[in-house]
Amino acid sequence: MSTAAELRAQRRELSREMRDASGREIIEAAFTLPRFIAYELIQHHREAPSLMNERLLRKLARTLDSWDAVDMFSMYLAGPAWRDGRIDASVIEKWTRSSDRWWRRAALVSTVPLSRVKRTKEALAICKLLVADRDDIVVKAMSWAVREASKKDAKAAQRFIDEHDVAARVRREVTAKIRTGLKNG
């Protein structure tokens, strides 16, 4: 098993080798690569991210069945596609209604890139759709999403946890983040 550093080094080398490839060529190559390398290859290409749409994201997601798969997919592909207007909130909202816990997690993790550019209202709207979900995989993502929102708008994050029946973990970790700057402060 390769470490993240080793995989990242492989991706950098592949990026150098494919520097002149079109976005379409990068995406086609991504389907033949391990997920970590594929998602990073797309993310770091000059054109490939601009080609992301709902259909392509679904195809690139393959089977979301683990923390790393979901978080990389959401942080490298889906979240940036939403943030940059290549997909709209209705796509993410659809994921919140999935019976698959990993798609619900993907919806929440996809809010992180929005929160980082001060679009906390949109991010927290997705969080609201999953506030009653108590699947631990989803709860941990909810905590991450609301903590990330708190970095740009602590008042909105505090209001969110005050107004909703969030899981105890979410309340504890968000409150600690707002008070101390640490998840478990």
N, C-alpha and C. Protein backbone atom coordinates (compact mmCIF):
# COMPACT_ATOMS: atom_id res chain seq x y z
N MET A 1 0.84 -1.18 0.00
CA MET A 1 0.00 0.00 0.00
C MET A 1 0.89 1.25 0.00
N SER A 2 0.59 2.17 -0.87
CA SER A 2 1.35 3.41 -0.97
C SER A 2 0.85 4.43 0.03
N THR A 3 1.74 5.27 0.50
CA THR A 3 1.35 6.37 1.39
C THR A 3 0.81 7.52 0.55
N ALA A 4 0.14 8.45 1.23
CA ALA A 4 -0.38 9.63 0.52
C ALA A 4 0.76 10.39 -0.15
N ALA A 5 1.89 10.49 0.53
CA ALA A 5 3.04 11.22 -0.04
C ALA A 5 3.53 10.53 -1.31
N GLU A 6 3.57 9.21 -1.30
CA GLU A 6 4.01 8.47 -2.49
C GLU A 6 3.02 8.64 -3.64
N LEU A 7 1.74 8.57 -3.33
CA LEU A 7 0.71 8.75 -4.36
C LEU A 7 0.75 10.17 -4.92
N ARG A 8 0.94 11.12 -4.02
CA ARG A 8 1.01 12.52 -4.48
C ARG A 8 2.22 12.72 -5.39
N ALA A 9 3.35 12.09 -5.08
CA ALA A 9 4.54 12.18 -5.92
C ALA A 9 4.25 11.56 -7.30
N GLN A 10 3.54 10.46 -7.31
CA GLN A 10 3.17 9.83 -8.59
C GLN A 10 2.26 10.76 -9.39
N ARG A 11 1.32 11.40 -8.70
CA ARG A 11 0.42 12.33 -9.40
C ARG A 11 1.18 13.52 -9.96
N ARG A 12 2.14 14.05 -9.20
CA ARG A 12 2.93 15.18 -9.71
C ARG A 12 3.68 14.79 -10.97
N GLU A 13 4.27 13.62 -10.95
CA GLU A 13 5.00 13.13 -12.12
C GLU A 13 4.05 12.98 -13.31
N LEU A 14 2.87 12.40 -13.06
CA LEU A 14 1.89 12.24 -14.13
C LEU A 14 1.42 13.61 -14.64
N SER A 15 1.24 14.55 -13.75
CA SER A 15 0.85 15.91 -14.17
C SER A 15 1.92 16.52 -15.08
N ARG A 16 3.18 16.31 -14.73
CA ARG A 16 4.26 16.82 -15.59
C ARG A 16 4.22 16.14 -16.97
N GLU A 17 4.05 14.83 -16.96
CA GLU A 17 4.01 14.08 -18.22
C GLU A 17 2.82 14.50 -19.09
N MET A 18 1.70 14.86 -18.44
CA MET A 18 0.47 15.19 -19.18
C MET A 18 0.20 16.69 -19.22
N ARG A 19 1.21 17.48 -19.00
CA ARG A 19 1.07 18.94 -18.91
C ARG A 19 0.37 19.53 -20.15
N ASP A 20 0.60 18.97 -21.32
CA ASP A 20 0.01 19.51 -22.54
C ASP A 20 -1.30 18.84 -22.93
N ALA A 21 -1.78 17.91 -22.11
CA ALA A 21 -3.02 17.20 -22.41
C ALA A 21 -4.22 18.13 -22.24
N SER A 22 -5.25 17.86 -23.00
CA SER A 22 -6.50 18.63 -22.84
C SER A 22 -7.22 18.17 -21.58
N GLY A 23 -8.18 18.95 -21.16
CA GLY A 23 -8.99 18.57 -20.01
C GLY A 23 -9.70 17.25 -20.23
N ARG A 24 -10.20 17.05 -21.43
CA ARG A 24 -10.89 15.78 -21.77
C ARG A 24 -9.92 14.61 -21.66
N GLU A 25 -8.70 14.79 -22.14
CA GLU A 25 -7.70 13.71 -22.05
C GLU A 25 -7.37 13.40 -20.59
N ILE A 26 -7.29 14.42 -19.77
CA ILE A 26 -7.02 14.22 -18.34
C ILE A 26 -8.16 13.42 -17.70
N ILE A 27 -9.38 13.78 -18.01
CA ILE A 27 -10.53 13.08 -17.43
C ILE A 27 -10.57 11.63 -17.91
N GLU A 28 -10.32 11.41 -19.17
CA GLU A 28 -10.29 10.02 -19.67
C GLU A 28 -9.21 9.21 -18.96
N ALA A 29 -8.05 9.81 -18.77
CA ALA A 29 -6.97 9.12 -18.05
C ALA A 29 -7.38 8.83 -16.61
N ALA A 30 -8.13 9.75 -16.01
CA ALA A 30 -8.54 9.60 -14.61
C ALA A 30 -9.34 8.32 -14.38
N PHE A 31 -10.10 7.91 -15.37
CA PHE A 31 -10.90 6.68 -15.22
C PHE A 31 -10.05 5.42 -15.13
N THR A 32 -8.79 5.52 -15.50
CA THR A 32 -7.91 4.35 -15.47
C THR A 32 -6.98 4.35 -14.26
N LEU A 33 -7.09 5.37 -13.42
CA LEU A 33 -6.15 5.56 -12.31
C LEU A 33 -6.80 5.31 -10.96
N PRO A 34 -5.98 5.03 -9.95
CA PRO A 34 -6.53 4.98 -8.60
C PRO A 34 -7.17 6.33 -8.25
N ARG A 35 -8.21 6.26 -7.47
CA ARG A 35 -9.01 7.45 -7.15
C ARG A 35 -8.18 8.65 -6.68
N PHE A 36 -7.27 8.44 -5.73
CA PHE A 36 -6.48 9.54 -5.18
C PHE A 36 -5.73 10.27 -6.29
N ILE A 37 -5.07 9.51 -7.14
CA ILE A 37 -4.30 10.12 -8.23
C ILE A 37 -5.25 10.77 -9.24
N ALA A 38 -6.34 10.09 -9.55
CA ALA A 38 -7.30 10.61 -10.53
C ALA A 38 -7.87 11.95 -10.10
N TYR A 39 -8.35 12.03 -8.87
CA TYR A 39 -8.97 13.26 -8.39
C TYR A 39 -7.96 14.40 -8.33
N GLU A 40 -6.77 14.12 -7.86
CA GLU A 40 -5.74 15.16 -7.81
C GLU A 40 -5.30 15.58 -9.22
N LEU A 41 -5.19 14.62 -10.12
CA LEU A 41 -4.80 14.94 -11.50
C LEU A 41 -5.78 15.95 -12.10
N ILE A 42 -7.06 15.70 -11.90
CA ILE A 42 -8.08 16.62 -12.41
C ILE A 42 -7.97 17.97 -11.70
N GLN A 43 -7.91 17.93 -10.38
CA GLN A 43 -7.87 19.17 -9.59
C GLN A 43 -6.71 20.08 -9.99
N HIS A 44 -5.56 19.50 -10.31
CA HIS A 44 -4.37 20.30 -10.58
C HIS A 44 -4.15 20.61 -12.07
N HIS A 45 -5.09 20.26 -12.91
CA HIS A 45 -4.96 20.56 -14.33
C HIS A 45 -5.60 21.91 -14.62
N ARG A 46 -5.06 22.60 -15.59
CA ARG A 46 -5.55 23.95 -15.92
C ARG A 46 -6.97 23.96 -16.47
N GLU A 47 -7.39 22.92 -17.16
CA GLU A 47 -8.69 22.92 -17.83
C GLU A 47 -9.67 21.89 -17.26
N ALA A 48 -9.21 20.77 -16.81
CA ALA A 48 -10.10 19.67 -16.42
C ALA A 48 -11.17 20.06 -15.39
N PRO A 49 -10.85 20.84 -14.35
CA PRO A 49 -11.91 21.18 -13.39
C PRO A 49 -13.09 21.92 -14.02
N SER A 50 -12.83 22.70 -15.06
CA SER A 50 -13.90 23.47 -15.70
C SER A 50 -14.89 22.58 -16.46
N LEU A 51 -14.54 21.31 -16.64
CA LEU A 51 -15.41 20.39 -17.36
C LEU A 51 -16.35 19.61 -16.44
N MET A 52 -16.20 19.78 -15.14
CA MET A 52 -17.02 19.02 -14.20
C MET A 52 -18.48 19.43 -14.31
N ASN A 53 -19.35 18.46 -14.40
CA ASN A 53 -20.80 18.65 -14.35
C ASN A 53 -21.39 17.47 -13.59
N GLU A 54 -22.69 17.47 -13.38
CA GLU A 54 -23.30 16.42 -12.56
C GLU A 54 -23.04 15.03 -13.12
N ARG A 55 -23.22 14.85 -14.41
CA ARG A 55 -23.02 13.54 -15.02
C ARG A 55 -21.60 13.04 -14.84
N LEU A 56 -20.65 13.90 -15.10
CA LEU A 56 -19.25 13.52 -14.99
C LEU A 56 -18.85 13.26 -13.53
N LEU A 57 -19.37 14.06 -12.62
CA LEU A 57 -19.08 13.82 -11.21
C LEU A 57 -19.59 12.45 -10.78
N ARG A 58 -20.80 12.10 -11.17
CA ARG A 58 -21.36 10.78 -10.83
C ARG A 58 -20.47 9.67 -11.37
N LYS A 59 -20.03 9.84 -12.59
CA LYS A 59 -19.19 8.82 -13.21
C LYS A 59 -17.83 8.72 -12.51
N LEU A 60 -17.26 9.86 -12.15
CA LEU A 60 -15.96 9.86 -11.48
C LEU A 60 -16.05 9.38 -10.04
N ALA A 61 -17.22 9.54 -9.43
CA ALA A 61 -17.38 9.09 -8.04
C ALA A 61 -17.19 7.58 -7.94
N ARG A 62 -17.52 6.89 -9.01
CA ARG A 62 -17.48 5.42 -8.98
C ARG A 62 -18.35 4.97 -7.83
N THR A 63 -17.83 4.15 -6.97
CA THR A 63 -18.56 3.74 -5.78
C THR A 63 -17.95 4.46 -4.59
N LEU A 64 -18.73 5.34 -4.00
CA LEU A 64 -18.25 6.02 -2.80
C LEU A 64 -18.52 5.08 -1.63
N ASP A 65 -17.44 4.60 -1.03
CA ASP A 65 -17.62 3.56 -0.01
C ASP A 65 -16.63 3.68 1.14
N SER A 66 -16.01 4.85 1.29
CA SER A 66 -15.05 5.04 2.37
C SER A 66 -14.86 6.53 2.63
N TRP A 67 -14.30 6.81 3.81
CA TRP A 67 -14.02 8.20 4.18
C TRP A 67 -13.15 8.88 3.14
N ASP A 68 -12.04 8.23 2.80
CA ASP A 68 -11.09 8.89 1.90
C ASP A 68 -11.70 9.12 0.52
N ALA A 69 -12.45 8.16 0.02
CA ALA A 69 -13.08 8.31 -1.30
C ALA A 69 -14.04 9.50 -1.30
N VAL A 70 -14.90 9.56 -0.30
CA VAL A 70 -15.89 10.63 -0.21
C VAL A 70 -15.22 11.99 -0.02
N ASP A 71 -14.29 12.05 0.91
CA ASP A 71 -13.70 13.35 1.23
C ASP A 71 -12.87 13.89 0.08
N MET A 72 -12.13 13.03 -0.60
CA MET A 72 -11.36 13.50 -1.76
C MET A 72 -12.29 13.91 -2.89
N PHE A 73 -13.30 13.11 -3.17
CA PHE A 73 -14.27 13.43 -4.22
C PHE A 73 -14.92 14.79 -3.93
N SER A 74 -15.33 14.99 -2.69
CA SER A 74 -16.05 16.21 -2.33
C SER A 74 -15.15 17.44 -2.29
N MET A 75 -13.95 17.28 -1.76
CA MET A 75 -13.02 18.41 -1.63
C MET A 75 -12.33 18.76 -2.95
N TYR A 76 -12.02 17.77 -3.76
CA TYR A 76 -11.26 18.01 -4.99
C TYR A 76 -12.15 18.26 -6.21
N LEU A 77 -13.33 17.63 -6.24
CA LEU A 77 -14.16 17.70 -7.45
C LEU A 77 -15.53 18.34 -7.22
N ALA A 78 -16.35 17.73 -6.38
CA ALA A 78 -17.74 18.19 -6.25
C ALA A 78 -17.85 19.56 -5.60
N GLY A 79 -17.19 19.76 -4.47
CA GLY A 79 -17.26 21.06 -3.80
C GLY A 79 -16.78 22.20 -4.68
N PRO A 80 -15.60 22.07 -5.30
CA PRO A 80 -15.16 23.14 -6.21
C PRO A 80 -16.10 23.34 -7.41
N ALA A 81 -16.69 22.26 -7.93
CA ALA A 81 -17.63 22.40 -9.04
C ALA A 81 -18.85 23.21 -8.60
N TRP A 82 -19.33 22.96 -7.40
CA TRP A 82 -20.47 23.73 -6.87
C TRP A 82 -20.05 25.17 -6.59
N ARG A 83 -18.94 25.35 -5.91
CA ARG A 83 -18.43 26.69 -5.58
C ARG A 83 -18.28 27.55 -6.84
N ASP A 84 -17.79 26.93 -7.92
CA ASP A 84 -17.49 27.66 -9.15
C ASP A 84 -18.65 27.70 -10.14
N GLY A 85 -19.83 27.21 -9.73
CA GLY A 85 -21.03 27.32 -10.55
C GLY A 85 -21.19 26.30 -11.66
N ARG A 86 -20.43 25.23 -11.61
CA ARG A 86 -20.56 24.21 -12.65
C ARG A 86 -21.66 23.20 -12.33
N ILE A 87 -22.05 23.12 -11.08
CA ILE A 87 -23.25 22.41 -10.66
C ILE A 87 -23.97 23.33 -9.69
N ASP A 88 -25.26 23.13 -9.52
CA ASP A 88 -25.95 24.00 -8.58
C ASP A 88 -26.36 23.24 -7.33
N ALA A 89 -26.90 23.96 -6.39
CA ALA A 89 -27.24 23.38 -5.09
C ALA A 89 -28.21 22.22 -5.20
N SER A 90 -29.03 22.17 -6.24
CA SER A 90 -30.00 21.08 -6.36
C SER A 90 -29.31 19.72 -6.47
N VAL A 91 -28.12 19.68 -7.05
CA VAL A 91 -27.36 18.43 -7.14
C VAL A 91 -26.96 17.98 -5.74
N ILE A 92 -26.43 18.90 -4.97
CA ILE A 92 -26.00 18.58 -3.61
C ILE A 92 -27.22 18.23 -2.75
N GLU A 93 -28.31 18.96 -2.92
CA GLU A 93 -29.53 18.66 -2.18
C GLU A 93 -30.02 17.24 -2.47
N LYS A 94 -29.91 16.81 -3.70
CA LYS A 94 -30.31 15.45 -4.08
C LYS A 94 -29.49 14.43 -3.29
N TRP A 95 -28.21 14.70 -3.12
CA TRP A 95 -27.36 13.78 -2.36
C TRP A 95 -27.79 13.70 -0.91
N THR A 96 -28.34 14.78 -0.35
CA THR A 96 -28.77 14.74 1.06
C THR A 96 -29.94 13.78 1.25
N ARG A 97 -30.67 13.49 0.20
CA ARG A 97 -31.83 12.59 0.28
C ARG A 97 -31.49 11.14 -0.05
N SER A 98 -30.23 10.87 -0.31
CA SER A 98 -29.82 9.51 -0.68
C SER A 98 -29.95 8.55 0.51
N SER A 99 -30.27 7.31 0.21
CA SER A 99 -30.28 6.28 1.26
C SER A 99 -28.85 5.84 1.58
N ASP A 100 -27.91 6.24 0.75
CA ASP A 100 -26.50 5.87 0.91
C ASP A 100 -25.79 6.90 1.79
N ARG A 101 -25.31 6.45 2.92
CA ARG A 101 -24.65 7.34 3.89
C ARG A 101 -23.48 8.08 3.28
N TRP A 102 -22.79 7.44 2.34
CA TRP A 102 -21.61 8.08 1.75
C TRP A 102 -22.00 9.25 0.87
N TRP A 103 -23.12 9.21 0.17
CA TRP A 103 -23.57 10.36 -0.63
C TRP A 103 -24.03 11.48 0.28
N ARG A 104 -24.67 11.14 1.41
CA ARG A 104 -25.06 12.19 2.35
C ARG A 104 -23.82 12.87 2.92
N ARG A 105 -22.79 12.08 3.23
CA ARG A 105 -21.53 12.67 3.70
C ARG A 105 -20.93 13.56 2.61
N ALA A 106 -20.97 13.09 1.37
CA ALA A 106 -20.43 13.87 0.25
C ALA A 106 -21.12 15.24 0.16
N ALA A 107 -22.42 15.27 0.39
CA ALA A 107 -23.14 16.55 0.35
C ALA A 107 -22.57 17.51 1.39
N LEU A 108 -22.35 17.02 2.60
CA LEU A 108 -21.82 17.89 3.66
C LEU A 108 -20.39 18.31 3.40
N VAL A 109 -19.55 17.38 3.00
CA VAL A 109 -18.14 17.72 2.76
C VAL A 109 -18.02 18.69 1.58
N SER A 110 -18.94 18.60 0.64
CA SER A 110 -18.93 19.53 -0.50
C SER A 110 -19.20 20.97 -0.09
N THR A 111 -19.70 21.18 1.12
CA THR A 111 -19.93 22.55 1.59
C THR A 111 -18.64 23.24 2.01
N VAL A 112 -17.61 22.47 2.33
CA VAL A 112 -16.37 23.06 2.85
C VAL A 112 -15.76 24.07 1.87
N PRO A 113 -15.62 23.75 0.57
CA PRO A 113 -15.08 24.77 -0.34
C PRO A 113 -15.92 26.05 -0.40
N LEU A 114 -17.24 25.94 -0.21
CA LEU A 114 -18.07 27.15 -0.18
C LEU A 114 -17.77 27.98 1.06
N SER A 115 -17.71 27.31 2.21
CA SER A 115 -17.43 28.03 3.45
C SER A 115 -16.10 28.76 3.39
N ARG A 116 -15.15 28.18 2.73
CA ARG A 116 -13.82 28.80 2.65
C ARG A 116 -13.81 30.10 1.86
N VAL A 117 -14.85 30.31 1.05
CA VAL A 117 -14.97 31.58 0.32
C VAL A 117 -16.16 32.40 0.83
N LYS A 118 -16.47 32.18 2.10
CA LYS A 118 -17.49 32.96 2.82
C LYS A 118 -18.91 32.77 2.30
N ARG A 119 -19.22 31.62 1.75
CA ARG A 119 -20.59 31.32 1.32
C ARG A 119 -21.24 30.40 2.35
N THR A 120 -21.18 30.85 3.60
CA THR A 120 -21.64 30.02 4.71
C THR A 120 -23.16 29.83 4.70
N LYS A 121 -23.90 30.79 4.22
CA LYS A 121 -25.36 30.64 4.19
C LYS A 121 -25.75 29.43 3.33
N GLU A 122 -25.13 29.30 2.16
CA GLU A 122 -25.41 28.15 1.29
C GLU A 122 -24.95 26.85 1.92
N ALA A 123 -23.78 26.90 2.55
CA ALA A 123 -23.23 25.71 3.19
C ALA A 123 -24.15 25.24 4.32
N LEU A 124 -24.58 26.18 5.16
CA LEU A 124 -25.43 25.82 6.29
C LEU A 124 -26.83 25.38 5.84
N ALA A 125 -27.27 25.83 4.67
CA ALA A 125 -28.56 25.37 4.14
C ALA A 125 -28.51 23.86 3.86
N ILE A 126 -27.38 23.39 3.36
CA ILE A 126 -27.22 21.94 3.13
C ILE A 126 -27.13 21.22 4.47
N CYS A 127 -26.41 21.79 5.41
CA CYS A 127 -26.31 21.19 6.76
C CYS A 127 -27.70 21.03 7.37
N LYS A 128 -28.55 22.03 7.18
CA LYS A 128 -29.90 21.98 7.75
C LYS A 128 -30.66 20.76 7.22
N LEU A 129 -30.45 20.40 5.97
CA LEU A 129 -31.17 19.27 5.38
C LEU A 129 -30.78 17.94 6.03
N LEU A 130 -29.61 17.89 6.65
CA LEU A 130 -29.13 16.64 7.25
C LEU A 130 -29.02 16.72 8.78
N VAL A 131 -29.58 17.75 9.37
CA VAL A 131 -29.41 17.96 10.81
C VAL A 131 -29.96 16.81 11.64
N ALA A 132 -30.96 16.12 11.17
CA ALA A 132 -31.56 15.02 11.95
C ALA A 132 -30.86 13.68 11.71
N ASP A 133 -29.95 13.63 10.77
CA ASP A 133 -29.25 12.38 10.44
C ASP A 133 -28.27 12.05 11.57
N ARG A 134 -28.40 10.88 12.16
CA ARG A 134 -27.53 10.50 13.26
C ARG A 134 -26.54 9.39 12.90
N ASP A 135 -26.43 9.08 11.62
CA ASP A 135 -25.40 8.14 11.18
C ASP A 135 -24.05 8.78 11.51
N ASP A 136 -23.18 8.05 12.21
CA ASP A 136 -21.92 8.62 12.68
C ASP A 136 -21.07 9.19 11.55
N ILE A 137 -21.09 8.55 10.40
CA ILE A 137 -20.33 9.03 9.23
C ILE A 137 -20.83 10.42 8.83
N VAL A 138 -22.12 10.62 8.90
CA VAL A 138 -22.74 11.88 8.53
C VAL A 138 -22.55 12.91 9.64
N VAL A 139 -22.71 12.51 10.88
CA VAL A 139 -22.53 13.42 12.02
C VAL A 139 -21.12 14.01 12.01
N LYS A 140 -20.12 13.18 11.77
CA LYS A 140 -18.74 13.69 11.73
C LYS A 140 -18.55 14.70 10.60
N ALA A 141 -19.19 14.44 9.47
CA ALA A 141 -19.12 15.40 8.36
C ALA A 141 -19.86 16.69 8.70
N MET A 142 -20.99 16.56 9.40
CA MET A 142 -21.75 17.74 9.83
C MET A 142 -20.87 18.61 10.73
N SER A 143 -20.18 17.97 11.66
CA SER A 143 -19.29 18.73 12.55
C SER A 143 -18.23 19.47 11.74
N TRP A 144 -17.62 18.80 10.81
CA TRP A 144 -16.59 19.42 9.96
C TRP A 144 -17.19 20.60 9.20
N ALA A 145 -18.36 20.37 8.57
CA ALA A 145 -18.98 21.41 7.75
C ALA A 145 -19.31 22.66 8.57
N VAL A 146 -19.89 22.47 9.75
CA VAL A 146 -20.28 23.63 10.56
C VAL A 146 -19.04 24.29 11.17
N ARG A 147 -18.05 23.49 11.57
CA ARG A 147 -16.80 24.10 12.07
C ARG A 147 -16.14 24.93 10.98
N GLU A 148 -16.14 24.43 9.75
CA GLU A 148 -15.54 25.18 8.64
C GLU A 148 -16.31 26.48 8.42
N ALA A 149 -17.63 26.42 8.49
CA ALA A 149 -18.44 27.63 8.35
C ALA A 149 -18.11 28.63 9.45
N SER A 150 -17.83 28.12 10.65
CA SER A 150 -17.55 29.01 11.79
C SER A 150 -16.27 29.82 11.60
N LYS A 151 -15.37 29.34 10.77
CA LYS A 151 -14.12 30.07 10.54
C LYS A 151 -14.36 31.40 9.82
N LYS A 152 -15.39 31.47 9.00
CA LYS A 152 -15.70 32.69 8.25
C LYS A 152 -16.88 33.46 8.85
N ASP A 153 -17.76 32.73 9.56
CA ASP A 153 -18.94 33.39 10.13
C ASP A 153 -19.33 32.65 11.41
N ALA A 154 -18.64 32.97 12.48
CA ALA A 154 -18.88 32.30 13.77
C ALA A 154 -20.30 32.53 14.26
N LYS A 155 -20.84 33.71 14.02
CA LYS A 155 -22.21 33.99 14.48
C LYS A 155 -23.23 33.10 13.78
N ALA A 156 -23.07 32.92 12.48
CA ALA A 156 -24.00 32.06 11.74
C ALA A 156 -23.88 30.61 12.20
N ALA A 157 -22.67 30.15 12.45
CA ALA A 157 -22.47 28.78 12.93
C ALA A 157 -23.08 28.61 14.31
N GLN A 158 -22.87 29.58 15.18
CA GLN A 158 -23.45 29.51 16.53
C GLN A 158 -24.97 29.52 16.45
N ARG A 159 -25.52 30.37 15.62
CA ARG A 159 -26.97 30.44 15.43
C ARG A 159 -27.49 29.09 14.93
N PHE A 160 -26.75 28.47 14.01
CA PHE A 160 -27.15 27.17 13.46
C PHE A 160 -27.26 26.12 14.57
N ILE A 161 -26.23 26.02 15.41
CA ILE A 161 -26.30 24.99 16.45
C ILE A 161 -27.30 25.35 17.55
N ASP A 162 -27.58 26.64 17.74
CA ASP A 162 -28.58 27.05 18.72
C ASP A 162 -30.00 26.75 18.24
N GLU A 163 -30.21 26.88 16.94
CA GLU A 163 -31.57 26.76 16.38
C GLU A 163 -31.95 25.36 15.94
N HIS A 164 -30.98 24.45 15.91
CA HIS A 164 -31.27 23.10 15.41
C HIS A 164 -30.87 22.04 16.44
N ASP A 165 -31.56 20.94 16.37
CA ASP A 165 -31.27 19.81 17.27
C ASP A 165 -30.12 18.99 16.67
N VAL A 166 -28.92 19.57 16.75
CA VAL A 166 -27.74 18.90 16.19
C VAL A 166 -27.27 17.80 17.14
N ALA A 167 -26.53 16.85 16.62
CA ALA A 167 -25.95 15.79 17.43
C ALA A 167 -25.01 16.41 18.47
N ALA A 168 -24.89 15.75 19.60
CA ALA A 168 -24.04 16.25 20.69
C ALA A 168 -22.61 16.51 20.23
N ARG A 169 -22.07 15.63 19.40
CA ARG A 169 -20.71 15.81 18.88
C ARG A 169 -20.60 17.12 18.12
N VAL A 170 -21.58 17.41 17.29
CA VAL A 170 -21.56 18.64 16.50
C VAL A 170 -21.58 19.84 17.42
N ARG A 171 -22.49 19.83 18.38
CA ARG A 171 -22.60 20.95 19.33
C ARG A 171 -21.28 21.15 20.07
N ARG A 172 -20.72 20.07 20.58
CA ARG A 172 -19.47 20.14 21.36
C ARG A 172 -18.31 20.65 20.51
N GLU A 173 -18.11 20.07 19.34
CA GLU A 173 -16.96 20.43 18.51
C GLU A 173 -17.08 21.83 17.92
N VAL A 174 -18.27 22.22 17.50
CA VAL A 174 -18.45 23.57 16.94
C VAL A 174 -18.29 24.62 18.04
N THR A 175 -18.87 24.35 19.19
CA THR A 175 -18.72 25.29 20.31
C THR A 175 -17.25 25.45 20.68
N ALA A 176 -16.52 24.34 20.76
CA ALA A 176 -15.09 24.41 21.07
C ALA A 176 -14.34 25.20 20.00
N LYS A 177 -14.68 24.98 18.75
CA LYS A 177 -14.00 25.68 17.65
C LYS A 177 -14.23 27.18 17.75
N ILE A 178 -15.46 27.56 18.02
CA ILE A 178 -15.78 28.99 18.13
C ILE A 178 -15.08 29.61 19.33
N ARG A 179 -15.07 28.91 20.45
CA ARG A 179 -14.48 29.46 21.67
C ARG A 179 -12.96 29.46 21.66
N THR A 180 -12.36 28.35 21.20
CA THR A 180 -10.91 28.18 21.36
C THR A 180 -10.13 28.13 20.04
N GLY A 181 -10.85 27.95 18.95
CA GLY A 181 -10.17 27.77 17.66
C GLY A 181 -9.77 26.32 17.42
N LEU A 182 -10.07 25.45 18.38
CA LEU A 182 -9.71 24.04 18.27
C LEU A 182 -10.97 23.18 18.26
N LYS A 183 -10.91 22.05 17.58
CA LYS A 183 -12.05 21.14 17.51
C LYS A 183 -12.40 20.59 18.90
N ASN A 184 -11.40 20.26 19.67
CA ASN A 184 -11.61 19.68 21.00
C ASN A 184 -10.97 20.54 22.07
N GLY A 185 -11.23 21.82 22.02
CA GLY A 185 -10.56 22.77 22.90
C GLY A 185 -11.02 22.84 24.29
